C-alpha atoms as a PDB file:
ATOM      1  CA  MET A   1      54.859 164.858 193.816  1.00  0.00           C
ATOM      2  CA  ALA A   2      52.855 167.362 192.037  1.00  0.00           C
ATOM      3  CA  ASN A   3      49.847 166.979 193.894  1.00  0.00           C
ATOM      4  CA  GLN A   4      51.100 167.064 197.259  1.00  0.00           C
ATOM      5  CA  THR A   5      50.777 169.675 199.866  1.00  0.00           C
ATOM      6  CA  ILE A   6      54.359 171.449 200.687  1.00  0.00           C
ATOM      7  CA  VAL A   7      54.265 173.323 204.435  1.00  0.00           C
ATOM      8  CA  ILE A   8      56.968 175.806 204.660  1.00  0.00           C
ATOM      9  CA  GLY A   9      58.351 176.083 208.215  1.00  0.00           C
ATOM     10  CA  ALA A  10      58.210 173.640 210.764  1.00  0.00           C
ATOM     11  CA  GLY A  11      57.415 175.895 214.017  1.00  0.00           C
ATOM     12  CA  GLN A  12      54.304 175.947 215.613  1.00  0.00           C
ATOM     13  CA  ALA A  13      51.968 176.605 212.906  1.00  0.00           C
ATOM     14  CA  GLY A  14      54.282 173.994 210.701  1.00  0.00           C
ATOM     15  CA  LEU A  15      53.775 171.527 213.083  1.00  0.00           C
ATOM     16  CA  ALA A  16      50.134 172.292 213.884  1.00  0.00           C
ATOM     17  CA  ALA A  17      49.452 172.275 209.828  1.00  0.00           C
ATOM     18  CA  GLY A  18      51.378 168.906 209.450  1.00  0.00           C
ATOM     19  CA  TYR A  19      49.273 167.125 211.998  1.00  0.00           C
ATOM     20  CA  TRP A  20      45.928 168.150 210.479  1.00  0.00           C
ATOM     21  CA  LEU A  21      47.691 167.384 207.061  1.00  0.00           C
ATOM     22  CA  GLN A  22      48.372 163.605 208.139  1.00  0.00           C
ATOM     23  CA  GLN A  23      44.585 163.244 209.845  1.00  0.00           C
ATOM     24  CA  ALA A  24      42.823 163.980 206.477  1.00  0.00           C
ATOM     25  CA  LYS A  25      45.445 162.122 204.954  1.00  0.00           C
ATOM     26  CA  ILE A  26      46.675 164.223 202.232  1.00  0.00           C
ATOM     27  CA  PRO A  27      50.246 163.644 201.000  1.00  0.00           C
ATOM     28  CA  PHE A  28      52.509 166.285 202.651  1.00  0.00           C
ATOM     29  CA  GLN A  29      56.023 167.491 203.223  1.00  0.00           C
ATOM     30  CA  ILE A  30      57.133 170.133 205.418  1.00  0.00           C
ATOM     31  CA  ILE A  31      60.103 172.147 204.555  1.00  0.00           C
ATOM     32  CA  GLU A  32      62.503 173.965 207.247  1.00  0.00           C
ATOM     33  CA  ALA A  33      65.118 176.380 206.941  1.00  0.00           C
ATOM     34  CA  GLN A  34      66.630 175.518 210.088  1.00  0.00           C
ATOM     35  CA  ALA A  35      68.551 172.362 211.569  1.00  0.00           C
ATOM     36  CA  SER A  36      65.891 171.263 213.986  1.00  0.00           C
ATOM     37  CA  VAL A  37      62.162 171.894 214.322  1.00  0.00           C
ATOM     38  CA  GLY A  38      60.847 174.737 216.840  1.00  0.00           C
ATOM     39  CA  GLY A  39      60.959 177.841 214.285  1.00  0.00           C
ATOM     40  CA  SER A  40      61.811 180.815 216.441  1.00  0.00           C
ATOM     41  CA  TRP A  41      61.290 179.277 219.994  1.00  0.00           C
ATOM     42  CA  PRO A  42      65.318 178.530 219.889  1.00  0.00           C
ATOM     43  CA  ALA A  43      66.675 181.729 219.297  1.00  0.00           C
ATOM     44  CA  TYR A  44      64.457 183.834 221.927  1.00  0.00           C
ATOM     45  CA  TYR A  45      65.868 184.893 224.965  1.00  0.00           C
ATOM     46  CA  ASP A  46      67.035 182.425 227.714  1.00  0.00           C
ATOM     47  CA  SER A  47      64.597 183.283 230.079  1.00  0.00           C
ATOM     48  CA  LEU A  48      61.075 183.620 227.951  1.00  0.00           C
ATOM     49  CA  SER A  49      58.515 182.397 229.431  1.00  0.00           C
ATOM     50  CA  LEU A  50      55.009 181.594 228.049  1.00  0.00           C
ATOM     51  CA  PHE A  51      52.660 184.298 228.533  1.00  0.00           C
ATOM     52  CA  SER A  52      49.367 181.409 228.430  1.00  0.00           C
ATOM     53  CA  PRO A  53      49.458 178.510 230.729  1.00  0.00           C
ATOM     54  CA  ALA A  54      50.503 175.238 229.999  1.00  0.00           C
ATOM     55  CA  ARG A  55      46.778 174.056 229.963  1.00  0.00           C
ATOM     56  CA  PHE A  56      46.094 176.744 227.023  1.00  0.00           C
ATOM     57  CA  SER A  57      49.073 175.702 225.199  1.00  0.00           C
ATOM     58  CA  SER A  58      48.961 172.928 223.261  1.00  0.00           C
ATOM     59  CA  LEU A  59      48.992 171.609 219.556  1.00  0.00           C
ATOM     60  CA  PRO A  60      46.073 169.197 218.161  1.00  0.00           C
ATOM     61  CA  GLY A  61      46.438 166.217 219.389  1.00  0.00           C
ATOM     62  CA  MET A  62      49.141 166.247 222.369  1.00  0.00           C
ATOM     63  CA  ALA A  63      48.855 168.391 225.310  1.00  0.00           C
ATOM     64  CA  PHE A  64      51.339 170.481 226.620  1.00  0.00           C
ATOM     65  CA  PRO A  65      53.553 168.074 229.193  1.00  0.00           C
ATOM     66  CA  ALA A  66      53.807 170.831 232.210  1.00  0.00           C
ATOM     67  CA  PRO A  67      51.558 171.288 235.159  1.00  0.00           C
ATOM     68  CA  ALA A  68      48.402 172.884 233.629  1.00  0.00           C
ATOM     69  CA  ASP A  69      48.940 176.500 235.761  1.00  0.00           C
ATOM     70  CA  SER A  70      52.184 176.552 235.121  1.00  0.00           C
ATOM     71  CA  TYR A  71      54.046 179.125 232.750  1.00  0.00           C
ATOM     72  CA  PRO A  72      56.777 177.067 230.804  1.00  0.00           C
ATOM     73  CA  GLN A  73      60.127 178.678 229.811  1.00  0.00           C
ATOM     74  CA  ARG A  74      61.652 178.860 226.010  1.00  0.00           C
ATOM     75  CA  ASP A  75      63.535 175.296 226.402  1.00  0.00           C
ATOM     76  CA  THR A  76      60.831 173.625 227.997  1.00  0.00           C
ATOM     77  CA  VAL A  77      58.135 174.750 224.705  1.00  0.00           C
ATOM     78  CA  VAL A  78      61.417 173.975 222.395  1.00  0.00           C
ATOM     79  CA  ALA A  79      61.401 170.501 223.733  1.00  0.00           C
ATOM     80  CA  TYR A  80      57.561 169.748 223.339  1.00  0.00           C
ATOM     81  CA  LEU A  81      57.815 171.122 219.682  1.00  0.00           C
ATOM     82  CA  GLN A  82      60.665 168.817 218.881  1.00  0.00           C
ATOM     83  CA  ARG A  83      58.864 165.817 220.808  1.00  0.00           C
ATOM     84  CA  TYR A  84      55.794 166.542 218.852  1.00  0.00           C
ATOM     85  CA  ALA A  85      57.062 166.407 215.513  1.00  0.00           C
ATOM     86  CA  GLU A  86      58.810 163.019 216.477  1.00  0.00           C
ATOM     87  CA  HIS A  87      55.482 161.747 218.377  1.00  0.00           C
ATOM     88  CA  PHE A  88      53.230 162.090 214.853  1.00  0.00           C
ATOM     89  CA  ASN A  89      56.524 161.207 212.604  1.00  0.00           C
ATOM     90  CA  LEU A  90      55.906 163.974 210.864  1.00  0.00           C
ATOM     91  CA  PRO A  91      57.746 164.036 207.045  1.00  0.00           C
ATOM     92  CA  ILE A  92      59.962 166.747 207.685  1.00  0.00           C
ATOM     93  CA  GLN A  93      63.413 168.134 205.594  1.00  0.00           C
ATOM     94  CA  THR A  94      65.354 170.540 207.649  1.00  0.00           C
ATOM     95  CA  ASN A  95      68.749 172.550 206.700  1.00  0.00           C
ATOM     96  CA  THR A  96      66.441 173.331 203.710  1.00  0.00           C
ATOM     97  CA  ALA A  97      65.624 177.485 202.795  1.00  0.00           C
ATOM     98  CA  ILE A  98      62.995 177.908 199.760  1.00  0.00           C
ATOM     99  CA  SER A  99      63.979 180.914 198.048  1.00  0.00           C
ATOM    100  CA  THR A 100      61.320 181.312 195.507  1.00  0.00           C
ATOM    101  CA  ILE A 101      58.456 180.126 194.122  1.00  0.00           C
ATOM    102  CA  GLU A 102      56.760 179.576 190.852  1.00  0.00           C
ATOM    103  CA  PRO A 103      53.254 178.688 189.532  1.00  0.00           C
ATOM    104  CA  GLN A 104      53.680 175.836 186.964  1.00  0.00           C
ATOM    105  CA  ASN A 105      50.656 173.680 185.537  1.00  0.00           C
ATOM    106  CA  GLY A 106      48.025 174.659 188.073  1.00  0.00           C
ATOM    107  CA  GLY A 107      50.561 174.277 190.985  1.00  0.00           C
ATOM    108  CA  PHE A 108      54.071 175.469 192.221  1.00  0.00           C
ATOM    109  CA  ARG A 109      57.509 174.896 191.967  1.00  0.00           C
ATOM    110  CA  LEU A 110      59.277 175.716 194.783  1.00  0.00           C
ATOM    111  CA  THR A 111      62.876 175.992 194.450  1.00  0.00           C
ATOM    112  CA  SER A 112      65.808 176.039 197.847  1.00  0.00           C
ATOM    113  CA  SER A 113      68.604 178.368 198.152  1.00  0.00           C
ATOM    114  CA  ALA A 114      70.754 175.409 197.667  1.00  0.00           C
ATOM    115  CA  GLY A 115      68.757 174.690 194.366  1.00  0.00           C
ATOM    116  CA  GLN A 116      66.864 171.864 195.371  1.00  0.00           C
ATOM    117  CA  VAL A 117      63.342 171.977 193.484  1.00  0.00           C
ATOM    118  CA  PHE A 118      60.366 170.466 194.834  1.00  0.00           C
ATOM    119  CA  HIS A 119      56.649 170.356 192.974  1.00  0.00           C
ATOM    120  CA  ALA A 120      53.482 171.101 195.012  1.00  0.00           C
ATOM    121  CA  GLY A 121      49.278 171.161 194.338  1.00  0.00           C
ATOM    122  CA  GLN A 122      49.334 173.578 197.632  1.00  0.00           C
ATOM    123  CA  ILE A 123      51.510 175.709 199.794  1.00  0.00           C
ATOM    124  CA  ILE A 124      50.970 176.491 203.233  1.00  0.00           C
ATOM    125  CA  ALA A 125      53.146 179.448 204.185  1.00  0.00           C
ATOM    126  CA  ALA A 126      53.879 178.456 207.871  1.00  0.00           C
ATOM    127  CA  THR A 127      56.600 180.603 208.765  1.00  0.00           C
ATOM    128  CA  GLY A 128      55.031 182.907 211.190  1.00  0.00           C
ATOM    129  CA  ALA A 129      54.728 186.097 212.439  1.00  0.00           C
ATOM    130  CA  PHE A 130      58.000 186.267 214.429  1.00  0.00           C
ATOM    131  CA  ALA A 131      60.606 185.474 212.247  1.00  0.00           C
ATOM    132  CA  ARG A 132      61.809 189.017 210.667  1.00  0.00           C
ATOM    133  CA  PRO A 133      62.772 191.305 213.573  1.00  0.00           C
ATOM    134  CA  PHE A 134      61.074 194.900 212.998  1.00  0.00           C
ATOM    135  CA  MET A 135      63.504 197.543 213.338  1.00  0.00           C
ATOM    136  CA  PRO A 136      61.934 200.983 213.291  1.00  0.00           C
ATOM    137  CA  GLU A 137      64.425 204.007 211.492  1.00  0.00           C
ATOM    138  CA  LEU A 138      64.497 206.658 213.923  1.00  0.00           C
ATOM    139  CA  PRO A 139      66.214 210.473 213.468  1.00  0.00           C
ATOM    140  CA  ASN A 140      69.774 210.843 213.600  1.00  0.00           C
ATOM    141  CA  GLN A 141      70.088 206.971 214.079  1.00  0.00           C
ATOM    142  CA  ALA A 142      73.149 206.632 212.010  1.00  0.00           C
ATOM    143  CA  ALA A 143      74.913 208.754 213.869  1.00  0.00           C
ATOM    144  CA  PHE A 144      74.660 206.918 216.964  1.00  0.00           C
ATOM    145  CA  GLN A 145      78.030 205.360 217.999  1.00  0.00           C
ATOM    146  CA  GLY A 146      77.084 202.702 220.452  1.00  0.00           C
ATOM    147  CA  LYS A 147      75.251 199.936 219.633  1.00  0.00           C
ATOM    148  CA  ILE A 148      71.759 199.220 218.785  1.00  0.00           C
ATOM    149  CA  LEU A 149      70.007 195.445 219.142  1.00  0.00           C
ATOM    150  CA  HIS A 150      66.974 194.103 218.554  1.00  0.00           C
ATOM    151  CA  SER A 151      65.758 192.012 220.856  1.00  0.00           C
ATOM    152  CA  ALA A 152      65.468 189.223 218.427  1.00  0.00           C
ATOM    153  CA  ARG A 153      69.451 189.266 219.222  1.00  0.00           C
ATOM    154  CA  TYR A 154      69.152 189.198 223.231  1.00  0.00           C
ATOM    155  CA  ARG A 155      69.948 185.862 224.976  1.00  0.00           C
ATOM    156  CA  ASP A 156      70.448 186.912 228.392  1.00  0.00           C
ATOM    157  CA  SER A 157      72.276 190.275 230.405  1.00  0.00           C
ATOM    158  CA  ALA A 158      75.744 189.012 230.769  1.00  0.00           C
ATOM    159  CA  ASP A 159      77.004 191.400 227.872  1.00  0.00           C
ATOM    160  CA  PHE A 160      74.891 194.412 229.752  1.00  0.00           C
ATOM    161  CA  VAL A 161      76.315 194.512 233.127  1.00  0.00           C
ATOM    162  CA  GLY A 162      76.831 198.201 234.400  1.00  0.00           C
ATOM    163  CA  LYS A 163      75.690 200.178 231.024  1.00  0.00           C
ATOM    164  CA  ARG A 164      73.451 202.440 230.285  1.00  0.00           C
ATOM    165  CA  VAL A 165      70.701 200.935 228.075  1.00  0.00           C
ATOM    166  CA  VAL A 166      67.055 202.308 226.540  1.00  0.00           C
ATOM    167  CA  VAL A 167      64.771 199.477 225.808  1.00  0.00           C
ATOM    168  CA  VAL A 168      61.892 200.585 223.476  1.00  0.00           C
ATOM    169  CA  GLY A 169      58.614 199.153 223.291  1.00  0.00           C
ATOM    170  CA  ALA A 170      55.688 198.510 225.512  1.00  0.00           C
ATOM    171  CA  GLY A 171      54.571 194.572 224.744  1.00  0.00           C
ATOM    172  CA  ASN A 172      55.661 191.656 227.314  1.00  0.00           C
ATOM    173  CA  SER A 173      58.890 190.770 225.842  1.00  0.00           C
ATOM    174  CA  ALA A 174      60.294 194.431 226.312  1.00  0.00           C
ATOM    175  CA  ILE A 175      58.847 195.081 229.972  1.00  0.00           C
ATOM    176  CA  GLN A 176      60.369 191.507 230.600  1.00  0.00           C
ATOM    177  CA  ILE A 177      63.641 191.962 229.242  1.00  0.00           C
ATOM    178  CA  ALA A 178      64.104 195.343 230.537  1.00  0.00           C
ATOM    179  CA  ILE A 179      63.383 194.293 234.329  1.00  0.00           C
ATOM    180  CA  GLU A 180      65.800 191.472 233.942  1.00  0.00           C
ATOM    181  CA  LEU A 181      68.354 193.917 232.691  1.00  0.00           C
ATOM    182  CA  ALA A 182      67.524 196.431 235.394  1.00  0.00           C
ATOM    183  CA  GLN A 183      68.960 193.933 238.024  1.00  0.00           C
ATOM    184  CA  VAL A 184      72.266 194.838 236.635  1.00  0.00           C
ATOM    185  CA  ALA A 185      72.794 197.950 234.333  1.00  0.00           C
ATOM    186  CA  ASP A 186      70.595 201.125 234.163  1.00  0.00           C
ATOM    187  CA  VAL A 187      67.768 201.013 232.066  1.00  0.00           C
ATOM    188  CA  THR A 188      64.987 202.774 230.618  1.00  0.00           C
ATOM    189  CA  LEU A 189      62.016 201.750 229.429  1.00  0.00           C
ATOM    190  CA  ALA A 190      61.210 203.838 225.926  1.00  0.00           C
ATOM    191  CA  THR A 191      57.468 203.448 224.978  1.00  0.00           C
ATOM    192  CA  ARG A 192      54.956 205.934 222.909  1.00  0.00           C
ATOM    193  CA  GLN A 193      52.280 205.029 225.035  1.00  0.00           C
ATOM    194  CA  PRO A 194      51.543 204.705 228.779  1.00  0.00           C
ATOM    195  CA  ILE A 195      52.051 200.937 229.222  1.00  0.00           C
ATOM    196  CA  ARG A 196      48.483 199.334 229.493  1.00  0.00           C
ATOM    197  CA  PHE A 197      48.908 196.626 231.943  1.00  0.00           C
ATOM    198  CA  GLN A 198      46.042 193.865 232.115  1.00  0.00           C
ATOM    199  CA  ALA A 199      45.765 191.293 235.724  1.00  0.00           C
ATOM    200  CA  GLN A 200      47.248 187.591 234.457  1.00  0.00           C
ATOM    201  CA  ARG A 201      45.292 186.178 237.077  1.00  0.00           C
ATOM    202  CA  ILE A 202      41.251 187.438 237.849  1.00  0.00           C
ATOM    203  CA  ALA A 203      39.353 185.584 240.800  1.00  0.00           C
ATOM    204  CA  GLY A 204      41.769 183.305 241.008  1.00  0.00           C
ATOM    205  CA  ARG A 205      41.997 182.127 237.574  1.00  0.00           C
ATOM    206  CA  ASP A 206      44.626 182.961 234.591  1.00  0.00           C
ATOM    207  CA  ILE A 207      42.541 185.272 231.957  1.00  0.00           C
ATOM    208  CA  HIS A 208      43.068 182.926 229.171  1.00  0.00           C
ATOM    209  CA  TRP A 209      40.548 180.331 231.212  1.00  0.00           C
ATOM    210  CA  TRP A 210      38.163 183.421 231.213  1.00  0.00           C
ATOM    211  CA  TRP A 211      39.119 183.782 227.530  1.00  0.00           C
ATOM    212  CA  TRP A 212      38.288 180.238 226.847  1.00  0.00           C
ATOM    213  CA  LEU A 213      35.125 180.280 229.129  1.00  0.00           C
ATOM    214  CA  THR A 214      33.922 183.666 227.074  1.00  0.00           C
ATOM    215  CA  GLY A 215      35.023 182.502 223.808  1.00  0.00           C
ATOM    216  CA  PHE A 216      37.034 185.688 223.377  1.00  0.00           C
ATOM    217  CA  ASP A 217      40.105 184.639 221.817  1.00  0.00           C
ATOM    218  CA  ARG A 218      38.078 182.323 219.292  1.00  0.00           C
ATOM    219  CA  LEU A 219      35.946 185.376 218.437  1.00  0.00           C
ATOM    220  CA  ALA A 220      36.341 186.496 214.556  1.00  0.00           C
ATOM    221  CA  LEU A 221      37.840 189.639 213.914  1.00  0.00           C
ATOM    222  CA  ASN A 222      35.784 190.003 210.807  1.00  0.00           C
ATOM    223  CA  THR A 223      32.986 191.017 212.811  1.00  0.00           C
ATOM    224  CA  ARG A 224      32.202 193.765 214.432  1.00  0.00           C
ATOM    225  CA  VAL A 225      32.288 192.890 218.013  1.00  0.00           C
ATOM    226  CA  GLY A 226      35.500 191.456 217.066  1.00  0.00           C
ATOM    227  CA  ARG A 227      36.863 194.282 215.815  1.00  0.00           C
ATOM    228  CA  TRP A 228      35.802 196.624 218.769  1.00  0.00           C
ATOM    229  CA  ILE A 229      37.810 194.197 220.889  1.00  0.00           C
ATOM    230  CA  GLN A 230      40.653 194.025 219.090  1.00  0.00           C
ATOM    231  CA  GLN A 231      40.583 197.696 219.439  1.00  0.00           C
ATOM    232  CA  ARG A 232      40.364 197.741 222.912  1.00  0.00           C
ATOM    233  CA  THR A 233      43.003 194.842 223.469  1.00  0.00           C
ATOM    234  CA  GLN A 234      45.520 195.589 221.374  1.00  0.00           C
ATOM    235  CA  GLY A 235      48.949 196.358 222.984  1.00  0.00           C
ATOM    236  CA  ILE A 236      47.698 195.524 226.431  1.00  0.00           C
ATOM    237  CA  VAL A 237      50.693 193.574 228.692  1.00  0.00           C
ATOM    238  CA  LEU A 238      49.703 190.247 230.769  1.00  0.00           C
ATOM    239  CA  ASP A 239      51.012 191.105 234.634  1.00  0.00           C
ATOM    240  CA  THR A 240      51.035 189.234 237.629  1.00  0.00           C
ATOM    241  CA  GLY A 241      51.582 192.099 239.947  1.00  0.00           C
ATOM    242  CA  LEU A 242      55.714 192.039 239.119  1.00  0.00           C
ATOM    243  CA  TYR A 243      55.471 194.082 236.194  1.00  0.00           C
ATOM    244  CA  SER A 244      54.032 197.518 237.365  1.00  0.00           C
ATOM    245  CA  ARG A 245      55.518 197.060 240.565  1.00  0.00           C
ATOM    246  CA  LYS A 246      59.029 197.511 239.206  1.00  0.00           C
ATOM    247  CA  ILE A 247      57.984 200.290 236.884  1.00  0.00           C
ATOM    248  CA  ASN A 248      56.509 202.080 239.806  1.00  0.00           C
ATOM    249  CA  GLN A 249      59.942 201.089 241.683  1.00  0.00           C
ATOM    250  CA  ASN A 250      61.625 202.658 238.599  1.00  0.00           C
ATOM    251  CA  GLN A 251      63.274 199.459 238.036  1.00  0.00           C
ATOM    252  CA  PRO A 252      63.376 200.009 235.224  1.00  0.00           C
ATOM    253  CA  GLN A 253      62.301 203.796 234.550  1.00  0.00           C
ATOM    254  CA  ARG A 254      59.688 204.253 232.168  1.00  0.00           C
ATOM    255  CA  ARG A 255      59.888 207.610 230.162  1.00  0.00           C
ATOM    256  CA  ALA A 256      58.225 208.942 226.819  1.00  0.00           C
ATOM    257  CA  MET A 257      59.923 207.681 223.777  1.00  0.00           C
ATOM    258  CA  PHE A 258      62.984 209.652 222.813  1.00  0.00           C
ATOM    259  CA  GLU A 259      62.826 212.038 219.982  1.00  0.00           C
ATOM    260  CA  ARG A 260      66.148 211.369 218.167  1.00  0.00           C
ATOM    261  CA  PHE A 261      69.376 209.921 218.436  1.00  0.00           C
ATOM    262  CA  SER A 262      72.464 211.801 218.976  1.00  0.00           C
ATOM    263  CA  ALA A 263      76.529 210.992 218.496  1.00  0.00           C
ATOM    264  CA  THR A 264      76.524 209.469 222.313  1.00  0.00           C
ATOM    265  CA  GLY A 265      72.978 208.850 223.355  1.00  0.00           C
ATOM    266  CA  VAL A 266      69.669 209.810 222.831  1.00  0.00           C
ATOM    267  CA  VAL A 267      67.686 213.041 223.218  1.00  0.00           C
ATOM    268  CA  TRP A 268      64.171 212.597 225.087  1.00  0.00           C
ATOM    269  CA  ALA A 269      61.320 214.746 224.396  1.00  0.00           C
ATOM    270  CA  ASP A 270      61.975 217.424 226.980  1.00  0.00           C
ATOM    271  CA  GLY A 271      64.806 218.358 224.643  1.00  0.00           C
ATOM    272  CA  GLN A 272      66.950 216.521 227.475  1.00  0.00           C
ATOM    273  CA  PRO A 273      70.340 214.280 225.862  1.00  0.00           C
ATOM    274  CA  GLU A 274      71.308 211.285 227.449  1.00  0.00           C
ATOM    275  CA  ALA A 275      74.511 209.463 226.849  1.00  0.00           C
ATOM    276  CA  VAL A 276      73.337 205.726 226.139  1.00  0.00           C
ATOM    277  CA  ASP A 277      75.825 202.483 225.505  1.00  0.00           C
ATOM    278  CA  ILE A 278      72.792 200.152 224.186  1.00  0.00           C
ATOM    279  CA  VAL A 279      69.374 200.708 222.736  1.00  0.00           C
ATOM    280  CA  LEU A 280      67.363 197.450 222.648  1.00  0.00           C
ATOM    281  CA  PHE A 281      64.363 197.578 220.112  1.00  0.00           C
ATOM    282  CA  ALA A 282      61.766 194.981 221.674  1.00  0.00           C
ATOM    283  CA  THR A 283      59.545 196.159 218.693  1.00  0.00           C
ATOM    284  CA  GLY A 284      57.940 193.118 217.700  1.00  0.00           C
ATOM    285  CA  TYR A 285      58.234 191.453 214.360  1.00  0.00           C
ATOM    286  CA  ARG A 286      56.637 190.985 210.825  1.00  0.00           C
ATOM    287  CA  PRO A 287      56.370 187.507 208.518  1.00  0.00           C
ATOM    288  CA  HIS A 288      58.690 186.193 206.511  1.00  0.00           C
ATOM    289  CA  LEU A 289      57.719 185.575 203.235  1.00  0.00           C
ATOM    290  CA  SER A 290      60.048 186.769 200.301  1.00  0.00           C
ATOM    291  CA  TYR A 291      59.912 183.383 199.061  1.00  0.00           C
ATOM    292  CA  LEU A 292      56.246 184.368 197.793  1.00  0.00           C
ATOM    293  CA  GLN A 293      57.724 187.655 196.428  1.00  0.00           C
ATOM    294  CA  GLY A 294      56.875 186.241 192.407  1.00  0.00           C
ATOM    295  CA  LEU A 295      53.658 185.300 192.923  1.00  0.00           C
ATOM    296  CA  ASN A 296      51.734 188.085 193.771  1.00  0.00           C
ATOM    297  CA  ALA A 297      50.721 187.028 197.163  1.00  0.00           C
ATOM    298  CA  LEU A 298      52.305 190.201 198.916  1.00  0.00           C
ATOM    299  CA  ASP A 299      51.204 193.709 199.429  1.00  0.00           C
ATOM    300  CA  GLN A 300      53.291 196.750 198.897  1.00  0.00           C
ATOM    301  CA  ALA A 301      54.229 196.112 202.747  1.00  0.00           C
ATOM    302  CA  GLY A 302      55.493 192.640 202.172  1.00  0.00           C
ATOM    303  CA  LEU A 303      52.298 191.269 204.214  1.00  0.00           C
ATOM    304  CA  PRO A 304      50.124 188.499 202.746  1.00  0.00           C
ATOM    305  CA  LEU A 305      46.913 189.224 200.569  1.00  0.00           C
ATOM    306  CA  HIS A 306      44.276 186.764 202.203  1.00  0.00           C
ATOM    307  CA  ARG A 307      41.126 186.249 203.999  1.00  0.00           C
ATOM    308  CA  ALA A 308      41.397 183.651 207.330  1.00  0.00           C
ATOM    309  CA  GLY A 309      44.778 182.056 205.786  1.00  0.00           C
ATOM    310  CA  VAL A 310      43.374 181.454 202.087  1.00  0.00           C
ATOM    311  CA  SER A 311      45.117 183.565 199.656  1.00  0.00           C
ATOM    312  CA  THR A 312      42.703 185.997 197.979  1.00  0.00           C
ATOM    313  CA  THR A 313      45.057 186.309 194.997  1.00  0.00           C
ATOM    314  CA  VAL A 314      46.827 183.208 194.573  1.00  0.00           C
ATOM    315  CA  GLU A 315      44.681 179.822 193.817  1.00  0.00           C
ATOM    316  CA  GLY A 316      46.247 176.800 196.004  1.00  0.00           C
ATOM    317  CA  LEU A 317      48.552 179.163 198.861  1.00  0.00           C
ATOM    318  CA  TYR A 318      47.435 179.037 202.226  1.00  0.00           C
ATOM    319  CA  TYR A 319      49.053 180.647 205.536  1.00  0.00           C
ATOM    320  CA  VAL A 320      49.106 179.441 209.207  1.00  0.00           C
ATOM    321  CA  GLY A 321      50.612 181.710 212.143  1.00  0.00           C
ATOM    322  CA  LEU A 322      50.303 184.580 210.919  1.00  0.00           C
ATOM    323  CA  GLU A 323      49.273 187.108 213.916  1.00  0.00           C
ATOM    324  CA  GLN A 324      45.747 187.509 213.859  1.00  0.00           C
ATOM    325  CA  GLN A 325      44.900 185.575 211.256  1.00  0.00           C
ATOM    326  CA  THR A 326      41.220 184.504 211.897  1.00  0.00           C
ATOM    327  CA  ASN A 327      41.204 185.819 216.095  1.00  0.00           C
ATOM    328  CA  PHE A 328      43.181 187.234 218.944  1.00  0.00           C
ATOM    329  CA  ALA A 329      44.904 183.870 219.128  1.00  0.00           C
ATOM    330  CA  SER A 330      45.594 183.299 215.800  1.00  0.00           C
ATOM    331  CA  ALA A 331      49.559 183.360 216.247  1.00  0.00           C
ATOM    332  CA  THR A 332      49.991 181.746 219.431  1.00  0.00           C
ATOM    333  CA  LEU A 333      50.478 177.642 220.574  1.00  0.00           C
ATOM    334  CA  ARG A 334      46.655 177.083 220.975  1.00  0.00           C
ATOM    335  CA  GLY A 335      45.832 179.669 217.963  1.00  0.00           C
ATOM    336  CA  VAL A 336      47.805 177.875 215.157  1.00  0.00           C
ATOM    337  CA  GLY A 337      45.663 174.692 215.637  1.00  0.00           C
ATOM    338  CA  PRO A 338      42.118 175.863 214.941  1.00  0.00           C
ATOM    339  CA  ASP A 339      43.790 177.907 212.259  1.00  0.00           C
ATOM    340  CA  ALA A 340      45.575 174.959 210.454  1.00  0.00           C
ATOM    341  CA  SER A 341      42.684 172.668 210.916  1.00  0.00           C
ATOM    342  CA  ARG A 342      40.060 175.447 208.944  1.00  0.00           C
ATOM    343  CA  VAL A 343      42.908 175.694 206.113  1.00  0.00           C
ATOM    344  CA  VAL A 344      43.111 172.056 205.881  1.00  0.00           C
ATOM    345  CA  ARG A 345      39.347 171.580 204.947  1.00  0.00           C
ATOM    346  CA  HIS A 346      39.734 174.073 202.671  1.00  0.00           C
ATOM    347  CA  ILE A 347      42.115 172.118 201.018  1.00  0.00           C
ATOM    348  CA  GLN A 348      40.699 169.260 201.360  1.00  0.00           C
ATOM    349  CA  VAL A 349      37.521 171.304 199.119  1.00  0.00           C
ATOM    350  CA  ARG A 350      40.174 172.197 196.782  1.00  0.00           C
ATOM    351  CA  MET A 351      41.821 168.817 195.838  1.00  0.00           C
ATOM    352  CA  GLN A 352      37.786 167.286 195.008  1.00  0.00           C
ATOM    353  CA  GLN A 353      37.027 169.742 192.544  1.00  0.00           C
ATOM    354  CA  PRO A 354      38.200 171.292 189.523  1.00  0.00           C
ATOM    355  CA  ALA A 355      40.902 173.698 189.217  1.00  0.00           C
ATOM    356  CA  GLY A 356      39.865 177.628 189.811  1.00  0.00           C
ATOM    357  CA  CYS A 357      36.493 176.511 191.035  1.00  0.00           C
ATOM    358  CA  CYS A 358      36.925 177.220 194.631  1.00  0.00           C
ATOM    359  CA  ARG A 359      38.788 179.872 196.231  1.00  0.00           C
ATOM    360  CA  TRP A 360      35.753 180.858 198.166  1.00  0.00           C
ATOM    361  CA  ALA A 361      34.495 177.801 199.591  1.00  0.00           C
ATOM    362  CA  MET A 362      33.618 177.330 203.078  1.00  0.00           C
ATOM    363  CA  GLY A 363      32.600 181.074 203.701  1.00  0.00           C
ATOM    364  CA  GLN A 364      36.473 182.182 202.696  1.00  0.00           C
END
């Protein structure tokens, strides 16, 4: 169907987009590369829990089925996403990886890695901000004879027992993994800057409640105030008190980032070499959008050229699930719904107008 909208990805962003397309009665299909829905969630480490409570972790139309102030773990989130897709009977084709997209007759021709062809009038790229692990290249890295991993490949601590491990990163996941590993291994957390802890609970309320009350995480980042807040909150680590206590107890130890690798380990900033078995990078992710390479949709770094989820270079191309797409919450469970709603409203306007007339409709 050339007039349908195709959503690429059946994680939290793609499911939210599907919900709003269904509500708008726009024909659509969700295409997912993996065998089941859930996006990146099934591949995360076993002990991962949400950094936001259940009351602020729902997709549109279906509340998260957990105590409001609890912090659900990975498997609970995966089950919720699967139940969400089933509840709304979203049209999802799994085991189908889109490899290339070409413009065709004012719309798009999509080809899967297996050669299956789809046609669409609009595309929503919802493969998210957490699908492509980012691994920095550090001096002398190729000479290191130990094991280098990204947190995307970390599942549990079983393979790290008794090892000398350096975890690189200063975000919530890096600290959570380092603390978990410190129970069974000799662990150092290496960060470029001091860790910026933010209390998870203030005056008895989770910080997300205060963000909701004040509208902080809905504040548009393209405003002066939004940019100011973004600069001052970037890299904060939400902490119930456990993280800072463990760091203060050197469980794990925190040190300034090492300068380079050696054959047997790392060399710290003070010139001290140290033998290390494993270096684990918890250095985040980048959007997985390689299938858009032929559309002039990406910049030189492979990042999308867009404004609030609407492509600025390709008519009919949209995004949901990008980090800071419109605001602080954009790539989160609670944030993808509002962003998807905004994108679907734009698609509705586009479908009612002659081709090429409304890229900047609705203030885009």
